Every structure is written in structure tokens, then in C-alpha cells.
Amino acid sequence: MANRNLATWDDKESAKLNEYVQLSLDMWVNDPNGGSHLDNFADLFNETIYIKILSHKIKFQDIAEIEIKQQLVKAALRKLKSSGKHGIKNFQNILNQEVETYLNWPVDKYYVLCPLNLSQESLSRNGSFTVKGVKLLVRDWWYVDKHFSMNDFITDIEKRFELWGNERPSKENIRRTFMYYFTPIIILADGRTFTEAFKKANEAFHLFRSLLNLSVDTRGSIYRFRTRVPLPQPSGTIWPPSVYAIFNEKGDYRQFFYNLEKYPDYTSNKIDLKKIIETRKLIGRLSHATGDQDTLSLMAEAFAKYGDALDATEWRLAFLTFWQIFELITLQSTDESSMGTAIKRVNSLLAKDQIAQDLLQAVNKTRNDLVHRGQFPENSGEEQVKLIKRLVESVLGAMLFHIKVLKTKGILRSFYEQVDLVEGSLLNQERAIKYILRQKQTKRKPSKAKRPRS
């Protein structure tokens, strides 16, 4: 039995959890050889529902990824069924063992190859970038061929493309695509599994690519007259790669990850040194974040969300993802979300830009029609995305200006609450706050002991 409670829940939830555990167990029948099988294969999705609910209600120590939680719950249910000793307490004991085993898995180091849709020439003089503590090494394909088993990686891609039912590309075409349109970014990441290491590396790579797009992409302000409705495509210039590779510390190929989104043909992108310097400076600013409550951490999350919106090829999804940045920046992305409050707070950030404020009202109407009525102007979808993209970039720029003073989420929240007060009310609050602070400081001062009378 595990020595620590690594998977716990509120006592008031025990009866409900026990019910879902029992529902899951009833679907499975033990085999004579010690295994188990579904009594009715159609119940498989119902079990997925139960596992999702259990994983949500259980508190796991040192595990945040929902996929890992669900895998551990599923494994515990299988072992509980085989043991024959059912009940919520036995389930918790087995789940604790599964969590402890997972947390004790050895952590290995892996090299993650992240192809960047940017010419080698653009980054030739920039050896590395450090994003959120993760070092991204800029290399060339000669270096990658020398230090990593690229042939094995390319051979694997060739086979898998055939299995996916797509036209099978030749190894030469795969290699040519990498060399013409991508620069290899190498990231050393650790993890208990390939997936865990890749997730750490890709989080930094995605933020890096988002910031590059922010510096180079000016298409949001350009209107192109078209004779027909264009096909949706990413709003950004630097697109995500279609595949990534994982190598061990020795450079041996282990696995590849692929992007589910299908993109049109890649193009060769270049970026001048000035934009690279701007990106490096912004990365440097974000690196000063000291914790989750730091406004810089909020900004890093917003820039990553900006990258998500740029990568979307469906206009409705891109539009709503851009809108989520408003909710995030205004601290309205949780259960307390209020659209009216979000609009009001965005306006406070755009106080000196009347055009942006008026555009926000118009964009909000498009958002409401989409969310509440399912209506979206498909014929001008590209235009709608560019309008909200331009607005988001204005808000991000305003936040970078204010962040010098609004350094924590607490200070930012106070700013939002006070910014619309008239000057007289602000002065009254200032006097009251100063008085309270003086009172608290007086209480902290040690009082002098009185001398006894003789």
C-alpha cells in the first residue's frame, strides 16, 4: 500500500465517487487468465464518461495533465476489478499506488526537434533563445544530420503518411521540404515519457513562434480585394510544423508527433534582424515573471493564446480564440466571467484610442451573434478575423505599457476596479488608504514602557 495519500477527494464526494467506480466495474468481466473484458463493447464510451468525472473530482498530487489523471484512474479501476475487493477505500489505495509508481518513474532527457517555418538565413546569427527557462538552440540541417538519426525519422514519416491514406511523399521530398521552408530548433527537455518531454519543449517553442509572429505579421492591417471567397488559412506568417521528432540523449530517433491541423503548402519566410532583436527583448521581459500571480505570467499566457488563434484555419475558431484573450487579460476567464465587465476593462486599457473602443463594440456584436445565435459572416470571415486580431494587438500593446506599474494580478484587479471612478472619489479613497496604512504602521511600532512611580 502507498505510504502517502497522493489521490484524495472531499469527504462529501465519497458516495458519488463510489457510485461511478461501481458503474465502471459493472461493465467489465474478469477472465480466467487474470485479465478482464467489456461485457458489452457499446459501454466503452460510458466508461469514458465515468473516468472523466472521476478524474475531475479527484485531487492528484504533483500531476496537472488531465490525460495522465485519466490513465491512472483507468489503470486503478482495472486492478480493482481484478482484485475482487471493491469499495471506495480499496479504489483509493490502488489509485495511490498507481500515482506513486508514476511519480517514481525515471525522468530521462530527450532532444526535441521543432522545425521553425523560417529561413535559416533569418536566424543564422542567433545561436539560442531562452523562453520561460527553456533553451531553444538554433541549428542547421547539416548539424541535425550529423548528431541525430534523421534518416530513421524521415523513414518513419514516409511509412506513416501512407498509413494515413495521403499521397505517399518520397524521402527526398520530405528532406527538401525541411531544408527549403524550415530551420531546425533543438530543445533538450526531460520527462517520464516522450509525451511529457515533448509537451515541455513545445510549450516554449509555441510561445517563441507566437512572439515571432507578433513582430513580423502586418497582414492584420492590410485589406486585399478578392474576386472570390478565400479558403480559410492561418492568420499568422510563421505556421506550425506538420511534424516534430524526439531523440534520446545519444541522438537515436524515438518517436514523432504530428499536427492534426492540415495546412496549405508552406512558403519560405524571412525576418530581418530588427524583428529578431524585438522578439528577444520581449522574451527577456517575460522571463522576469516570478510566479503565477505575476502579470508577466498572464502576458505569456495571452501571447500563447494569440499564437493559438493565429494557427487556427477555421475563421469561427480563430475569432473566438482571439476573443478569449480579452477575457484572459481582464481576469474574466474563470467562472466569474462577465462579458460586460470584460468589455469595460478592455476599454480602460484603450482609454486613449477612441477608434479601437468603437471597433470593440462592433466586434462584440459579431461575437454575440456567433456565440448566442450561431451566426457568423462567412463571406467576410477573413476580414472579421483581421479586425479582431488588430484589436487584440492593440490591447496587448497597452498591457505591455501598463505592466511596468501593474506588476501583479492583484494590482491589475485593483486598477480595473478603480479606473472608472471620478477624480474626487479616487482622492477620497487615496486619503482613506493612506490613513489605514498609517494606523497599521502605528500598531506595529513597539510602545515605550511607562516607569513606575516612586
Protein backbone atom coordinates (compact mmCIF):
# COMPACT_ATOMS: atom_id res chain seq x y z
CA MET A 1 0.00 0.00 0.00
CA ALA A 2 1.20 3.51 -0.76
CA ASN A 3 2.56 5.43 2.19
CA ARG A 4 1.07 8.77 1.15
CA ASN A 5 -2.34 9.93 0.03
CA LEU A 6 -1.43 11.15 -3.45
CA ALA A 7 -5.03 10.96 -4.71
CA THR A 8 -7.67 12.45 -2.43
CA TRP A 9 -11.15 13.98 -2.54
CA ASP A 10 -13.61 15.79 -0.32
CA ASP A 11 -15.49 13.50 2.07
CA LYS A 12 -18.82 14.80 0.78
CA GLU A 13 -17.90 13.42 -2.67
CA SER A 14 -17.19 9.86 -1.47
CA ALA A 15 -20.68 8.48 -2.08
CA LYS A 16 -20.86 9.92 -5.59
CA LEU A 17 -17.35 8.71 -6.45
CA ASN A 18 -18.19 5.25 -5.16
CA GLU A 19 -21.22 5.20 -7.45
CA TYR A 20 -19.13 5.98 -10.55
CA VAL A 21 -16.47 3.46 -9.53
CA GLN A 22 -19.13 0.77 -9.23
CA LEU A 23 -20.72 1.71 -12.56
CA SER A 24 -17.31 1.32 -14.22
CA LEU A 25 -16.62 -2.02 -12.54
CA ASP A 26 -20.01 -3.45 -13.54
CA MET A 27 -19.10 -3.03 -17.23
CA TRP A 28 -16.14 -5.40 -17.01
CA VAL A 29 -15.97 -9.18 -16.59
CA ASN A 30 -12.91 -10.93 -15.17
CA ASP A 31 -11.21 -13.52 -17.38
CA PRO A 32 -9.84 -16.86 -16.07
CA ASN A 33 -6.32 -15.78 -17.06
CA GLY A 34 -6.45 -12.73 -14.77
CA GLY A 35 -7.44 -10.16 -17.36
CA SER A 36 -10.81 -8.57 -17.99
CA HIS A 37 -13.05 -7.69 -20.91
CA LEU A 38 -16.07 -5.49 -21.53
CA ASP A 39 -19.39 -7.26 -21.09
CA ASN A 40 -20.81 -5.02 -23.81
CA PHE A 41 -18.43 -3.16 -26.10
CA ALA A 42 -21.03 -0.41 -26.55
CA ASP A 43 -20.40 0.54 -22.89
CA LEU A 44 -16.89 1.74 -23.69
CA PHE A 45 -17.96 5.35 -24.17
CA ASN A 46 -19.98 5.30 -20.95
CA GLU A 47 -16.85 4.25 -19.10
CA THR A 48 -15.04 7.20 -20.71
CA ILE A 49 -17.70 9.46 -19.20
CA TYR A 50 -17.26 7.94 -15.73
CA ILE A 51 -13.46 8.18 -15.89
CA LYS A 52 -13.72 11.83 -16.96
CA ILE A 53 -15.93 12.62 -13.95
CA LEU A 54 -13.71 10.71 -11.51
CA SER A 55 -10.56 12.40 -12.82
CA HIS A 56 -12.20 15.81 -12.38
CA LYS A 57 -13.28 15.25 -8.78
CA ILE A 58 -10.08 13.58 -7.54
CA LYS A 59 -7.18 15.77 -6.39
CA PHE A 60 -3.85 14.43 -7.65
CA GLN A 61 -0.58 15.50 -6.06
CA ASP A 62 2.08 16.79 -8.48
CA ILE A 63 0.06 15.84 -11.57
CA ALA A 64 -1.70 18.51 -13.63
CA GLU A 65 -2.26 16.88 -17.05
CA ILE A 66 -5.81 15.56 -17.42
CA GLU A 67 -4.65 12.81 -19.80
CA ILE A 68 -2.31 11.37 -17.16
CA LYS A 69 -5.02 11.56 -14.49
CA GLN A 70 -7.45 9.65 -16.68
CA GLN A 71 -4.85 6.98 -17.50
CA LEU A 72 -4.14 6.45 -13.79
CA VAL A 73 -7.84 6.24 -12.89
CA LYS A 74 -8.41 3.73 -15.69
CA ALA A 75 -5.46 1.58 -14.55
CA ALA A 76 -6.69 1.66 -10.94
CA LEU A 77 -10.18 0.57 -11.99
CA ARG A 78 -8.75 -2.40 -13.92
CA LYS A 79 -6.70 -3.55 -10.94
CA LEU A 80 -9.62 -3.02 -8.58
CA LYS A 81 -11.80 -5.24 -10.78
CA SER A 82 -9.18 -7.98 -10.87
CA SER A 83 -8.62 -7.84 -7.09
CA GLY A 84 -12.24 -8.64 -6.31
CA LYS A 85 -12.05 -6.28 -3.30
CA HIS A 86 -14.29 -3.45 -4.36
CA GLY A 87 -15.27 -0.31 -2.47
CA ILE A 88 -14.13 3.30 -2.48
CA LYS A 89 -11.37 2.77 0.09
CA ASN A 90 -9.76 -0.04 -1.88
CA PHE A 91 -10.04 2.09 -5.01
CA GLN A 92 -8.19 4.92 -3.29
CA ASN A 93 -5.44 2.58 -2.06
CA ILE A 94 -4.87 1.17 -5.54
CA LEU A 95 -5.02 4.63 -7.13
CA ASN A 96 -2.43 5.89 -4.63
CA GLN A 97 -0.15 3.05 -5.68
CA GLU A 98 -0.62 3.91 -9.36
CA VAL A 99 0.16 7.59 -8.74
CA GLU A 100 3.22 6.76 -6.63
CA THR A 101 4.50 4.39 -9.32
CA TYR A 102 4.05 7.09 -11.96
CA LEU A 103 5.79 9.78 -9.90
CA ASN A 104 8.71 7.41 -9.27
CA TRP A 105 9.26 6.64 -12.93
CA PRO A 106 12.76 7.64 -14.01
CA VAL A 107 13.00 11.05 -15.66
CA ASP A 108 15.01 10.88 -18.88
CA LYS A 109 16.36 13.61 -21.13
CA TYR A 110 15.27 13.90 -24.74
CA TYR A 111 16.11 16.14 -27.67
CA VAL A 112 13.03 17.55 -29.37
CA LEU A 113 13.34 18.72 -32.98
CA CYS A 114 10.91 21.58 -33.65
CA PRO A 115 11.10 22.74 -37.30
CA LEU A 116 10.51 26.51 -37.48
CA ASN A 117 8.81 27.84 -40.64
CA LEU A 118 11.52 30.48 -41.12
CA SER A 119 14.57 30.61 -43.35
CA GLN A 120 17.94 29.62 -41.94
CA GLU A 121 19.30 32.94 -43.16
CA SER A 122 16.99 34.85 -40.79
CA LEU A 123 18.34 33.14 -37.67
CA SER A 124 21.91 32.35 -38.74
CA ARG A 125 23.45 34.79 -36.24
CA ASN A 126 21.19 33.88 -33.33
CA GLY A 127 22.54 30.79 -31.59
CA SER A 128 19.84 30.35 -28.97
CA PHE A 129 16.82 31.80 -27.22
CA THR A 130 15.70 31.07 -23.66
CA VAL A 131 11.91 31.02 -23.33
CA LYS A 132 10.41 30.52 -19.85
CA GLY A 133 13.62 28.87 -18.71
CA VAL A 134 13.82 26.52 -21.71
CA LYS A 135 16.74 26.93 -24.13
CA LEU A 136 15.93 26.79 -27.85
CA LEU A 137 19.04 26.07 -29.92
CA VAL A 138 19.09 27.38 -33.49
CA ARG A 139 20.92 24.90 -35.73
CA ASP A 140 21.15 23.95 -39.41
CA TRP A 141 20.21 20.71 -41.13
CA TRP A 142 23.85 19.68 -41.56
CA TYR A 143 24.21 19.77 -37.77
CA VAL A 144 20.98 17.79 -37.28
CA ASP A 145 22.07 15.11 -39.78
CA LYS A 146 25.43 14.79 -38.01
CA HIS A 147 24.13 14.49 -34.44
CA PHE A 148 20.72 12.83 -34.82
CA SER A 149 19.36 9.81 -36.73
CA MET A 150 17.35 11.89 -39.21
CA ASN A 151 17.14 9.06 -41.74
CA ASP A 152 15.17 6.94 -39.27
CA PHE A 153 12.86 9.89 -38.58
CA ILE A 154 12.22 10.54 -42.28
CA THR A 155 11.69 6.82 -42.98
CA ASP A 156 9.08 6.69 -40.21
CA ILE A 157 7.27 9.73 -41.62
CA GLU A 158 7.22 8.16 -45.07
CA LYS A 159 5.58 4.99 -43.73
CA ARG A 160 3.01 6.81 -41.58
CA PHE A 161 1.89 9.13 -44.34
CA GLU A 162 1.00 6.06 -46.38
CA LEU A 163 -0.99 4.64 -43.45
CA TRP A 164 -2.93 7.90 -43.06
CA GLY A 165 -4.22 7.45 -46.61
CA ASN A 166 -2.46 10.52 -48.02
CA GLU A 167 -0.30 10.53 -51.10
CA ARG A 168 2.99 8.97 -50.08
CA PRO A 169 5.84 11.51 -50.24
CA SER A 170 9.35 10.42 -51.11
CA LYS A 171 12.19 10.75 -48.63
CA GLU A 172 13.78 13.27 -50.96
CA ASN A 173 10.67 15.47 -50.94
CA ILE A 174 10.38 15.29 -47.16
CA ARG A 175 14.01 16.31 -46.73
CA ARG A 176 13.67 19.04 -49.36
CA THR A 177 10.62 20.49 -47.56
CA PHE A 178 12.54 20.70 -44.30
CA MET A 179 15.56 22.36 -45.93
CA TYR A 180 13.62 24.89 -48.03
CA TYR A 181 11.00 26.04 -45.58
CA PHE A 182 12.23 25.31 -42.05
CA THR A 183 15.05 25.99 -39.61
CA PRO A 184 15.73 23.25 -37.03
CA ILE A 185 15.20 24.30 -33.41
CA ILE A 186 16.63 21.78 -30.94
CA ILE A 187 15.31 21.67 -27.35
CA LEU A 188 16.64 19.46 -24.56
CA ALA A 189 13.71 18.51 -22.30
CA ASP A 190 13.21 15.93 -19.59
CA GLY A 191 10.21 13.77 -18.85
CA ARG A 192 8.96 10.42 -17.64
CA THR A 193 7.60 9.79 -21.12
CA PHE A 194 8.14 11.07 -24.67
CA THR A 195 4.85 12.94 -24.41
CA GLU A 196 5.81 14.71 -21.19
CA ALA A 197 9.15 15.86 -22.64
CA PHE A 198 7.51 16.99 -25.88
CA LYS A 199 4.86 18.98 -24.04
CA LYS A 200 7.51 20.96 -22.13
CA ALA A 201 9.51 21.66 -25.28
CA ASN A 202 6.52 22.55 -27.44
CA GLU A 203 5.12 24.97 -24.85
CA ALA A 204 8.30 27.05 -25.12
CA PHE A 205 8.52 26.63 -28.91
CA HIS A 206 4.89 27.68 -29.40
CA LEU A 207 5.37 30.84 -27.32
CA PHE A 208 8.56 31.65 -29.26
CA ARG A 209 6.78 31.24 -32.59
CA SER A 210 3.83 33.34 -31.34
CA LEU A 211 6.16 36.20 -30.39
CA LEU A 212 7.93 36.00 -33.75
CA ASN A 213 4.57 36.21 -35.50
CA LEU A 214 3.64 39.21 -33.38
CA SER A 215 6.76 41.02 -34.54
CA VAL A 216 6.60 40.14 -38.25
CA ASP A 217 2.94 39.85 -39.16
CA THR A 218 1.39 43.03 -40.54
CA ARG A 219 -1.37 41.38 -42.55
CA GLY A 220 -3.96 42.32 -39.92
CA SER A 221 -3.85 45.91 -41.22
CA ILE A 222 -3.85 45.03 -44.92
CA TYR A 223 -7.06 44.56 -46.86
CA ARG A 224 -6.86 42.54 -50.05
CA PHE A 225 -9.60 42.81 -52.66
CA ARG A 226 -10.59 39.34 -53.80
CA THR A 227 -12.75 38.14 -56.67
CA ARG A 228 -13.92 35.10 -54.69
CA VAL A 229 -14.23 33.93 -51.11
CA PRO A 230 -10.76 32.79 -49.97
CA LEU A 231 -10.23 29.43 -48.31
CA PRO A 232 -9.52 29.71 -44.57
CA GLN A 233 -5.87 29.54 -43.62
CA PRO A 234 -3.78 30.52 -40.57
CA SER A 235 -3.70 34.25 -39.79
CA GLY A 236 -0.02 34.18 -38.89
CA THR A 237 3.01 34.19 -41.17
CA ILE A 238 5.08 31.52 -39.42
CA TRP A 239 2.95 28.38 -39.42
CA PRO A 240 3.30 25.37 -37.11
CA PRO A 241 5.32 22.45 -38.49
CA SER A 242 3.44 19.34 -39.59
CA VAL A 243 5.76 17.03 -37.61
CA TYR A 244 8.19 17.07 -34.67
CA ALA A 245 10.79 14.46 -33.71
CA ILE A 246 12.00 13.02 -30.39
CA PHE A 247 15.56 11.70 -29.96
CA ASN A 248 17.29 10.29 -26.88
CA GLU A 249 20.44 11.81 -25.40
CA LYS A 250 22.58 9.82 -27.83
CA GLY A 251 20.68 11.20 -30.81
CA ASP A 252 18.80 7.99 -31.58
CA TYR A 253 15.34 8.51 -33.08
CA ARG A 254 12.47 7.51 -30.78
CA GLN A 255 9.16 8.93 -31.98
CA PHE A 256 7.49 11.68 -33.94
CA PHE A 257 4.47 13.84 -33.13
CA TYR A 258 2.30 15.27 -35.85
CA ASN A 259 -0.04 18.24 -36.12
CA LEU A 260 -3.70 17.28 -36.55
CA GLU A 261 -4.39 20.53 -38.40
CA LYS A 262 -3.82 20.27 -42.15
CA TYR A 263 -2.21 23.38 -43.65
CA PRO A 264 -1.87 24.54 -47.28
CA ASP A 265 1.56 24.44 -48.88
CA TYR A 266 4.27 26.07 -46.79
CA THR A 267 6.17 29.09 -48.05
CA SER A 268 9.65 30.34 -47.26
CA ASN A 269 9.59 33.13 -44.67
CA LYS A 270 12.29 35.63 -43.82
CA ILE A 271 12.61 38.05 -40.93
CA ASP A 272 15.04 40.93 -40.55
CA LEU A 273 17.44 41.34 -37.65
CA LYS A 274 15.46 44.22 -36.15
CA LYS A 275 12.44 41.98 -35.63
CA ILE A 276 14.62 39.27 -34.10
CA ILE A 277 16.01 41.81 -31.63
CA GLU A 278 12.47 42.96 -30.75
CA THR A 279 11.41 39.37 -30.14
CA ARG A 280 14.47 38.69 -27.98
CA LYS A 281 13.73 41.79 -25.87
CA LEU A 282 10.13 40.72 -25.33
CA ILE A 283 11.24 37.21 -24.38
CA GLY A 284 13.63 38.82 -21.90
CA ARG A 285 10.82 40.86 -20.33
CA LEU A 286 8.61 37.79 -19.94
CA SER A 287 11.47 35.87 -18.31
CA HIS A 288 11.28 38.20 -15.28
CA ALA A 289 7.96 36.65 -14.19
CA THR A 290 8.28 35.48 -10.59
CA GLY A 291 5.17 33.30 -10.29
CA ASP A 292 1.61 32.62 -11.42
CA GLN A 293 0.34 35.84 -9.82
CA ASP A 294 2.82 37.95 -11.76
CA THR A 295 1.21 39.94 -14.58
CA LEU A 296 4.09 38.88 -16.84
CA SER A 297 2.91 35.27 -16.48
CA LEU A 298 -0.54 36.44 -17.54
CA MET A 299 1.01 38.12 -20.57
CA ALA A 300 2.92 34.96 -21.54
CA GLU A 301 -0.37 33.05 -21.41
CA ALA A 302 -2.03 35.74 -23.54
CA PHE A 303 0.75 35.61 -26.16
CA ALA A 304 0.45 31.81 -26.32
CA LYS A 305 -3.31 32.18 -26.82
CA TYR A 306 -2.55 34.72 -29.57
CA GLY A 307 -0.47 32.02 -31.25
CA ASP A 308 -3.36 29.53 -30.94
CA ALA A 309 -5.65 31.99 -32.73
CA LEU A 310 -3.09 32.59 -35.50
CA ASP A 311 -2.75 28.84 -36.08
CA ALA A 312 -6.49 28.20 -36.45
CA THR A 313 -7.60 27.56 -40.03
CA GLU A 314 -11.34 27.86 -39.28
CA TRP A 315 -12.44 31.50 -39.03
CA ARG A 316 -15.02 30.99 -36.30
CA LEU A 317 -12.47 29.24 -34.10
CA ALA A 318 -9.84 31.89 -34.78
CA PHE A 319 -12.30 34.68 -33.94
CA LEU A 320 -13.38 33.12 -30.63
CA THR A 321 -9.79 32.30 -29.64
CA PHE A 322 -8.79 35.93 -30.19
CA TRP A 323 -11.78 36.96 -28.05
CA GLN A 324 -10.59 34.69 -25.21
CA ILE A 325 -7.54 36.96 -24.93
CA PHE A 326 -9.82 39.82 -23.86
CA GLU A 327 -11.32 37.60 -21.15
CA LEU A 328 -7.86 36.48 -20.03
CA ILE A 329 -6.32 39.96 -19.88
CA THR A 330 -9.32 41.36 -17.98
CA LEU A 331 -9.24 38.48 -15.44
CA GLN A 332 -12.64 37.29 -16.65
CA SER A 333 -11.69 33.85 -18.00
CA THR A 334 -12.93 31.92 -14.94
CA ASP A 335 -16.38 31.17 -13.55
CA GLU A 336 -16.80 34.85 -12.60
CA SER A 337 -16.77 35.73 -16.28
CA SER A 338 -18.95 38.69 -17.18
CA MET A 339 -18.94 39.94 -20.74
CA GLY A 340 -19.97 43.43 -19.69
CA THR A 341 -17.09 43.59 -17.22
CA ALA A 342 -14.63 42.32 -19.82
CA ILE A 343 -15.71 44.99 -22.34
CA LYS A 344 -15.48 47.70 -19.69
CA ARG A 345 -11.99 46.63 -18.66
CA VAL A 346 -10.70 46.38 -22.24
CA ASN A 347 -11.98 49.92 -22.79
CA SER A 348 -9.97 51.08 -19.78
CA LEU A 349 -6.83 49.71 -21.43
CA LEU A 350 -7.72 51.50 -24.68
CA ALA A 351 -8.56 54.80 -22.96
CA LYS A 352 -6.58 56.90 -25.45
CA ASP A 353 -7.75 55.10 -28.60
CA GLN A 354 -11.34 56.03 -29.43
CA ILE A 355 -11.31 54.18 -32.75
CA ALA A 356 -10.27 50.95 -31.01
CA GLN A 357 -13.00 51.42 -28.39
CA ASP A 358 -15.65 51.88 -31.08
CA LEU A 359 -14.31 48.89 -33.02
CA LEU A 360 -14.56 46.80 -29.83
CA GLN A 361 -18.31 47.47 -29.65
CA ALA A 362 -18.75 46.36 -33.26
CA VAL A 363 -16.61 43.25 -32.78
CA ASN A 364 -18.58 42.41 -29.62
CA LYS A 365 -21.77 42.37 -31.72
CA THR A 366 -20.16 39.82 -34.07
CA ARG A 367 -19.09 37.75 -31.07
CA ASN A 368 -22.59 37.76 -29.56
CA ASP A 369 -24.18 36.74 -32.86
CA LEU A 370 -21.74 33.84 -33.15
CA VAL A 371 -22.00 32.59 -29.55
CA HIS A 372 -25.74 33.06 -28.98
CA ARG A 373 -27.20 32.63 -32.48
CA GLY A 374 -24.55 30.65 -34.34
CA GLN A 375 -24.38 33.39 -36.96
CA PHE A 376 -21.06 34.41 -38.49
CA PRO A 377 -20.45 36.39 -41.71
CA GLU A 378 -18.66 33.59 -43.57
CA ASN A 379 -18.27 35.62 -46.77
CA SER A 380 -16.20 38.16 -44.85
CA GLY A 381 -14.70 35.69 -42.36
CA GLU A 382 -11.13 36.66 -43.14
CA GLU A 383 -11.96 40.32 -42.64
CA GLN A 384 -13.67 39.66 -39.28
CA VAL A 385 -10.64 37.75 -38.02
CA LYS A 386 -8.27 40.52 -39.13
CA LEU A 387 -10.37 43.16 -37.35
CA ILE A 388 -10.34 41.37 -34.01
CA LYS A 389 -6.67 40.46 -34.49
CA ARG A 390 -5.80 44.14 -34.91
CA LEU A 391 -7.81 44.95 -31.78
CA VAL A 392 -6.10 42.21 -29.75
CA GLU A 393 -2.68 43.53 -30.76
CA SER A 394 -3.68 47.00 -29.52
CA VAL A 395 -4.76 45.55 -26.17
CA LEU A 396 -1.55 43.50 -25.82
CA GLY A 397 0.48 46.64 -26.57
CA ALA A 398 -1.46 48.61 -23.96
CA MET A 399 -0.87 45.87 -21.39
CA LEU A 400 2.87 45.92 -22.05
CA PHE A 401 2.80 49.65 -21.33
CA HIS A 402 0.78 49.37 -18.09
CA ILE A 403 2.67 46.33 -16.84
CA LYS A 404 5.51 48.50 -15.57
CA VAL A 405 3.23 49.54 -12.69
CA LEU A 406 0.55 46.81 -12.69
CA LYS A 407 3.04 44.08 -11.80
CA THR A 408 0.71 41.53 -10.17
CA LYS A 409 -2.79 40.26 -10.87
CA GLY A 410 -3.87 41.80 -7.57
CA ILE A 411 -2.69 45.27 -8.60
CA LEU A 412 -4.21 44.77 -12.06
CA ARG A 413 -7.56 43.85 -10.50
CA SER A 414 -7.45 46.96 -8.30
CA PHE A 415 -6.69 49.05 -11.39
CA TYR A 416 -9.76 47.70 -13.16
CA GLU A 417 -11.95 48.35 -10.10
CA GLN A 418 -10.79 51.95 -9.61
CA VAL A 419 -10.01 53.25 -13.09
CA ASP A 420 -13.54 54.45 -13.89
CA LEU A 421 -14.03 56.36 -10.63
CA VAL A 422 -14.20 60.14 -10.84
CA GLU A 423 -11.21 62.08 -9.56
CA GLY A 424 -12.96 63.12 -6.34
CA SER A 425 -13.77 59.51 -5.41
CA LEU A 426 -10.20 58.43 -6.17
CA LEU A 427 -8.80 61.17 -3.94
CA ASN A 428 -11.15 60.15 -1.12
CA GLN A 429 -10.04 56.52 -1.46
CA GLU A 430 -6.40 57.61 -1.55
CA ARG A 431 -6.83 59.55 1.72
CA ALA A 432 -8.61 56.61 3.36
CA ILE A 433 -5.95 54.12 2.24
CA LYS A 434 -3.11 56.36 3.47
CA TYR A 435 -4.88 56.73 6.83
CA ILE A 436 -5.33 52.96 7.15
CA LEU A 437 -1.66 52.39 6.34
CA ARG A 438 -0.58 54.94 8.98
CA GLN A 439 -2.80 53.22 11.55
CA LYS A 440 -1.32 49.82 10.76
CA GLN A 441 2.23 51.19 10.94
CA THR A 442 1.47 52.77 14.33
CA LYS A 443 0.24 49.44 15.68
CA ARG A 444 3.46 47.74 14.61
CA LYS A 445 5.66 50.23 16.49
CA PRO A 446 6.68 48.93 19.97
CA SER A 447 5.17 51.03 22.76
CA LYS A 448 7.51 52.51 25.35
CA ALA A 449 7.08 51.01 28.82
CA LYS A 450 5.97 53.52 31.47
CA ARG A 451 8.21 53.98 34.52
CA PRO A 452 6.60 53.06 37.84
CA ARG A 453 6.01 55.99 40.15
CA SER A 454 8.33 56.19 43.13
